[in-house]
Amino acid sequence: MTGTTTVNGQIIGQAHYATRAVLESLLSRSGTTFNQAVALNATAADGGATERDRLTGRMTGTLKVDAETAAAAIDALITSGLLTDTGSRLALTTSGHALQRDIRTGTAEITAGLYADLPAEDLAAAGRVLTTVTERANAVLAAG
């Protein structure tokens, strides 16, 4: 890319969808959906076990999906033996831990390649701008 590009919703969306398409190609190797990968990562971030309501809330808040969509992803992970449901908590199984590690490793490799030669100060500025835009969009959504 050459020249100056003004950041706007279209540019952000194009970056999101292009990056997500690369990630989806990684996920397709294991038959994992994007929503399922988010659920696995969120459970791992909670130490490998979490409450269903907490996981559903994280997914609806992050992905902007409804609770039914989040529940479908969670239920599919339980059915496939990647999560267990003890009634009060969901936990990664041994297979779930292994898949989440593989996804995390693959994502790190993708990220390293995509961001490799970008200056740290540019990445920091982009991070600040995108965080602010996300906060503002979330406030608009919360206001109804």
C-alpha atoms as a PDB file:
ATOM      1  CA  MET A   1       0.000   0.000   0.000  1.00  0.00           C
ATOM      2  CA  THR A   2       1.288   3.426  -0.853  1.00  0.00           C
ATOM      3  CA  GLY A   3       0.203   6.922   0.015  1.00  0.00           C
ATOM      4  CA  THR A   4      -1.940   8.082   2.890  1.00  0.00           C
ATOM      5  CA  THR A   5      -5.088   6.213   3.815  1.00  0.00           C
ATOM      6  CA  THR A   6      -7.721   7.740   6.040  1.00  0.00           C
ATOM      7  CA  VAL A   7      -9.032   5.317   8.637  1.00  0.00           C
ATOM      8  CA  ASN A   8     -12.776   4.823   8.371  1.00  0.00           C
ATOM      9  CA  GLY A   9     -15.298   2.035   8.779  1.00  0.00           C
ATOM     10  CA  GLN A  10     -14.647   0.677   5.304  1.00  0.00           C
ATOM     11  CA  ILE A  11     -10.884   0.410   5.838  1.00  0.00           C
ATOM     12  CA  ILE A  12     -11.383  -1.152   9.285  1.00  0.00           C
ATOM     13  CA  GLY A  13     -13.954  -3.581   7.878  1.00  0.00           C
ATOM     14  CA  GLN A  14     -11.714  -4.612   4.993  1.00  0.00           C
ATOM     15  CA  ALA A  15      -8.853  -5.316   7.404  1.00  0.00           C
ATOM     16  CA  HIS A  16     -11.183  -7.262   9.695  1.00  0.00           C
ATOM     17  CA  TYR A  17     -12.651  -9.424   6.944  1.00  0.00           C
ATOM     18  CA  ALA A  18      -9.318 -10.087   5.249  1.00  0.00           C
ATOM     19  CA  THR A  19      -7.722 -11.068   8.545  1.00  0.00           C
ATOM     20  CA  ARG A  20     -10.711 -13.172   9.541  1.00  0.00           C
ATOM     21  CA  ALA A  21     -10.608 -15.008   6.192  1.00  0.00           C
ATOM     22  CA  VAL A  22      -6.987 -15.960   6.903  1.00  0.00           C
ATOM     23  CA  LEU A  23      -7.991 -17.155  10.381  1.00  0.00           C
ATOM     24  CA  GLU A  24     -11.003 -19.050   8.993  1.00  0.00           C
ATOM     25  CA  SER A  25      -8.638 -20.995   6.704  1.00  0.00           C
ATOM     26  CA  LEU A  26      -6.708 -22.073   9.812  1.00  0.00           C
ATOM     27  CA  LEU A  27      -9.889 -22.997  11.682  1.00  0.00           C
ATOM     28  CA  SER A  28     -11.312 -24.969   8.755  1.00  0.00           C
ATOM     29  CA  ARG A  29      -8.480 -27.497   9.104  1.00  0.00           C
ATOM     30  CA  SER A  30      -9.959 -28.633  12.428  1.00  0.00           C
ATOM     31  CA  GLY A  31     -13.611 -28.038  11.531  1.00  0.00           C
ATOM     32  CA  THR A  32     -13.822 -25.299  14.153  1.00  0.00           C
ATOM     33  CA  THR A  33     -16.023 -22.261  13.611  1.00  0.00           C
ATOM     34  CA  PHE A  34     -14.937 -18.768  14.520  1.00  0.00           C
ATOM     35  CA  ASN A  35     -17.490 -18.609  17.352  1.00  0.00           C
ATOM     36  CA  GLN A  36     -16.260 -21.936  18.709  1.00  0.00           C
ATOM     37  CA  ALA A  37     -12.657 -20.699  18.628  1.00  0.00           C
ATOM     38  CA  VAL A  38     -13.683 -17.610  20.586  1.00  0.00           C
ATOM     39  CA  ALA A  39     -15.398 -19.841  23.164  1.00  0.00           C
ATOM     40  CA  LEU A  40     -12.313 -22.048  23.483  1.00  0.00           C
ATOM     41  CA  ASN A  41     -10.026 -19.025  23.855  1.00  0.00           C
ATOM     42  CA  ALA A  42     -12.284 -17.376  26.422  1.00  0.00           C
ATOM     43  CA  THR A  43     -12.464 -20.589  28.454  1.00  0.00           C
ATOM     44  CA  ALA A  44      -8.686 -20.966  28.302  1.00  0.00           C
ATOM     45  CA  ALA A  45      -8.281 -17.330  29.394  1.00  0.00           C
ATOM     46  CA  ASP A  46     -10.388 -18.158  32.458  1.00  0.00           C
ATOM     47  CA  GLY A  47      -7.922 -20.878  33.442  1.00  0.00           C
ATOM     48  CA  GLY A  48      -9.531 -23.679  31.442  1.00  0.00           C
ATOM     49  CA  ALA A  49     -12.930 -23.551  33.135  1.00  0.00           C
ATOM     50  CA  THR A  50     -15.686 -20.976  33.323  1.00  0.00           C
ATOM     51  CA  GLU A  51     -19.365 -20.577  34.056  1.00  0.00           C
ATOM     52  CA  ARG A  52     -21.727 -20.899  31.100  1.00  0.00           C
ATOM     53  CA  ASP A  53     -23.322 -17.493  31.738  1.00  0.00           C
ATOM     54  CA  ARG A  54     -19.906 -15.819  31.874  1.00  0.00           C
ATOM     55  CA  LEU A  55     -18.815 -17.470  28.617  1.00  0.00           C
ATOM     56  CA  THR A  56     -22.108 -16.607  26.923  1.00  0.00           C
ATOM     57  CA  GLY A  57     -21.760 -13.004  28.112  1.00  0.00           C
ATOM     58  CA  ARG A  58     -18.215 -12.741  26.811  1.00  0.00           C
ATOM     59  CA  MET A  59     -19.262 -14.110  23.444  1.00  0.00           C
ATOM     60  CA  THR A  60     -22.336 -11.893  23.063  1.00  0.00           C
ATOM     61  CA  GLY A  61     -20.379  -8.839  24.183  1.00  0.00           C
ATOM     62  CA  THR A  62     -17.352  -9.474  22.013  1.00  0.00           C
ATOM     63  CA  LEU A  63     -18.910 -10.972  18.901  1.00  0.00           C
ATOM     64  CA  LYS A  64     -22.173  -9.012  19.016  1.00  0.00           C
ATOM     65  CA  VAL A  65     -24.161 -12.222  18.566  1.00  0.00           C
ATOM     66  CA  ASP A  66     -27.300 -13.205  20.432  1.00  0.00           C
ATOM     67  CA  ALA A  67     -27.284 -15.647  23.332  1.00  0.00           C
ATOM     68  CA  GLU A  68     -28.735 -18.421  21.160  1.00  0.00           C
ATOM     69  CA  THR A  69     -25.837 -18.175  18.709  1.00  0.00           C
ATOM     70  CA  ALA A  70     -23.342 -18.284  21.581  1.00  0.00           C
ATOM     71  CA  ALA A  71     -25.175 -21.244  23.129  1.00  0.00           C
ATOM     72  CA  ALA A  72     -25.092 -23.117  19.820  1.00  0.00           C
ATOM     73  CA  ALA A  73     -21.306 -22.730  19.614  1.00  0.00           C
ATOM     74  CA  ILE A  74     -20.892 -23.831  23.239  1.00  0.00           C
ATOM     75  CA  ASP A  75     -23.216 -26.805  22.783  1.00  0.00           C
ATOM     76  CA  ALA A  76     -21.330 -27.890  19.655  1.00  0.00           C
ATOM     77  CA  LEU A  77     -18.071 -27.835  21.640  1.00  0.00           C
ATOM     78  CA  ILE A  78     -19.676 -29.991  24.348  1.00  0.00           C
ATOM     79  CA  THR A  79     -21.087 -32.413  21.768  1.00  0.00           C
ATOM     80  CA  SER A  80     -17.699 -32.718  20.063  1.00  0.00           C
ATOM     81  CA  GLY A  81     -15.971 -33.440  23.378  1.00  0.00           C
ATOM     82  CA  LEU A  82     -13.939 -30.230  23.505  1.00  0.00           C
ATOM     83  CA  LEU A  83     -15.787 -28.833  26.538  1.00  0.00           C
ATOM     84  CA  THR A  84     -17.399 -30.636  29.449  1.00  0.00           C
ATOM     85  CA  ASP A  85     -20.456 -29.324  31.265  1.00  0.00           C
ATOM     86  CA  THR A  86     -20.534 -30.153  34.965  1.00  0.00           C
ATOM     87  CA  GLY A  87     -23.800 -28.331  35.457  1.00  0.00           C
ATOM     88  CA  SER A  88     -22.199 -25.325  37.081  1.00  0.00           C
ATOM     89  CA  ARG A  89     -19.062 -24.898  34.982  1.00  0.00           C
ATOM     90  CA  LEU A  90     -17.747 -25.569  31.525  1.00  0.00           C
ATOM     91  CA  ALA A  91     -14.213 -26.900  31.251  1.00  0.00           C
ATOM     92  CA  LEU A  92     -11.812 -27.625  28.435  1.00  0.00           C
ATOM     93  CA  THR A  93     -11.211 -31.333  27.929  1.00  0.00           C
ATOM     94  CA  THR A  94      -7.762 -32.645  27.063  1.00  0.00           C
ATOM     95  CA  SER A  95      -8.769 -32.459  23.382  1.00  0.00           C
ATOM     96  CA  GLY A  96     -10.157 -28.962  23.917  1.00  0.00           C
ATOM     97  CA  HIS A  97      -6.893 -27.797  25.485  1.00  0.00           C
ATOM     98  CA  ALA A  98      -4.911 -29.281  22.594  1.00  0.00           C
ATOM     99  CA  LEU A  99      -7.106 -27.683  19.936  1.00  0.00           C
ATOM    100  CA  GLN A 100      -7.074 -24.312  21.687  1.00  0.00           C
ATOM    101  CA  ARG A 101      -3.262 -24.452  21.873  1.00  0.00           C
ATOM    102  CA  ASP A 102      -3.070 -25.303  18.162  1.00  0.00           C
ATOM    103  CA  ILE A 103      -5.404 -22.425  17.303  1.00  0.00           C
ATOM    104  CA  ARG A 104      -3.450 -20.027  19.534  1.00  0.00           C
ATOM    105  CA  THR A 105      -0.153 -21.112  17.940  1.00  0.00           C
ATOM    106  CA  GLY A 106      -1.546 -20.805  14.414  1.00  0.00           C
ATOM    107  CA  THR A 107      -3.046 -17.413  15.194  1.00  0.00           C
ATOM    108  CA  ALA A 108       0.281 -16.197  16.592  1.00  0.00           C
ATOM    109  CA  GLU A 109       2.012 -17.279  13.378  1.00  0.00           C
ATOM    110  CA  ILE A 110      -0.596 -15.509  11.249  1.00  0.00           C
ATOM    111  CA  THR A 111      -0.337 -12.376  13.380  1.00  0.00           C
ATOM    112  CA  ALA A 112       3.448 -12.377  13.215  1.00  0.00           C
ATOM    113  CA  GLY A 113       3.321 -12.523   9.432  1.00  0.00           C
ATOM    114  CA  LEU A 114       0.658  -9.857   9.027  1.00  0.00           C
ATOM    115  CA  TYR A 115       2.179  -7.361  11.462  1.00  0.00           C
ATOM    116  CA  ALA A 116       5.870  -8.243  11.013  1.00  0.00           C
ATOM    117  CA  ASP A 117       7.300  -5.059   9.538  1.00  0.00           C
ATOM    118  CA  LEU A 118       4.859  -2.493  10.896  1.00  0.00           C
ATOM    119  CA  PRO A 119       6.425   0.091  13.213  1.00  0.00           C
ATOM    120  CA  ALA A 120       5.567  -0.362  16.893  1.00  0.00           C
ATOM    121  CA  GLU A 121       4.437   3.250  17.171  1.00  0.00           C
ATOM    122  CA  ASP A 122       1.983   2.772  14.276  1.00  0.00           C
ATOM    123  CA  LEU A 123       0.573  -0.358  15.900  1.00  0.00           C
ATOM    124  CA  ALA A 124       0.227   1.454  19.235  1.00  0.00           C
ATOM    125  CA  ALA A 125      -1.594   4.370  17.580  1.00  0.00           C
ATOM    126  CA  ALA A 126      -3.890   2.016  15.654  1.00  0.00           C
ATOM    127  CA  GLY A 127      -4.616   0.138  18.881  1.00  0.00           C
ATOM    128  CA  ARG A 128      -5.595   3.338  20.670  1.00  0.00           C
ATOM    129  CA  VAL A 129      -7.824   4.510  17.817  1.00  0.00           C
ATOM    130  CA  LEU A 130      -9.569   1.160  17.388  1.00  0.00           C
ATOM    131  CA  THR A 131     -10.097   0.798  21.144  1.00  0.00           C
ATOM    132  CA  THR A 132     -11.731   4.224  21.252  1.00  0.00           C
ATOM    133  CA  VAL A 133     -13.944   3.458  18.235  1.00  0.00           C
ATOM    134  CA  THR A 134     -14.986   0.149  19.836  1.00  0.00           C
ATOM    135  CA  GLU A 135     -15.827   1.859  23.134  1.00  0.00           C
ATOM    136  CA  ARG A 136     -17.918   4.459  21.347  1.00  0.00           C
ATOM    137  CA  ALA A 137     -19.742   1.871  19.239  1.00  0.00           C
ATOM    138  CA  ASN A 138     -20.455  -0.192  22.356  1.00  0.00           C
ATOM    139  CA  ALA A 139     -21.862   2.916  24.056  1.00  0.00           C
ATOM    140  CA  VAL A 140     -24.163   3.562  21.084  1.00  0.00           C
ATOM    141  CA  LEU A 141     -25.353  -0.062  21.211  1.00  0.00           C
ATOM    142  CA  ALA A 142     -25.922   0.129  24.968  1.00  0.00           C
ATOM    143  CA  ALA A 143     -27.955   3.310  24.568  1.00  0.00           C
ATOM    144  CA  GLY A 144     -30.280   1.463  22.189  1.00  0.00           C
END
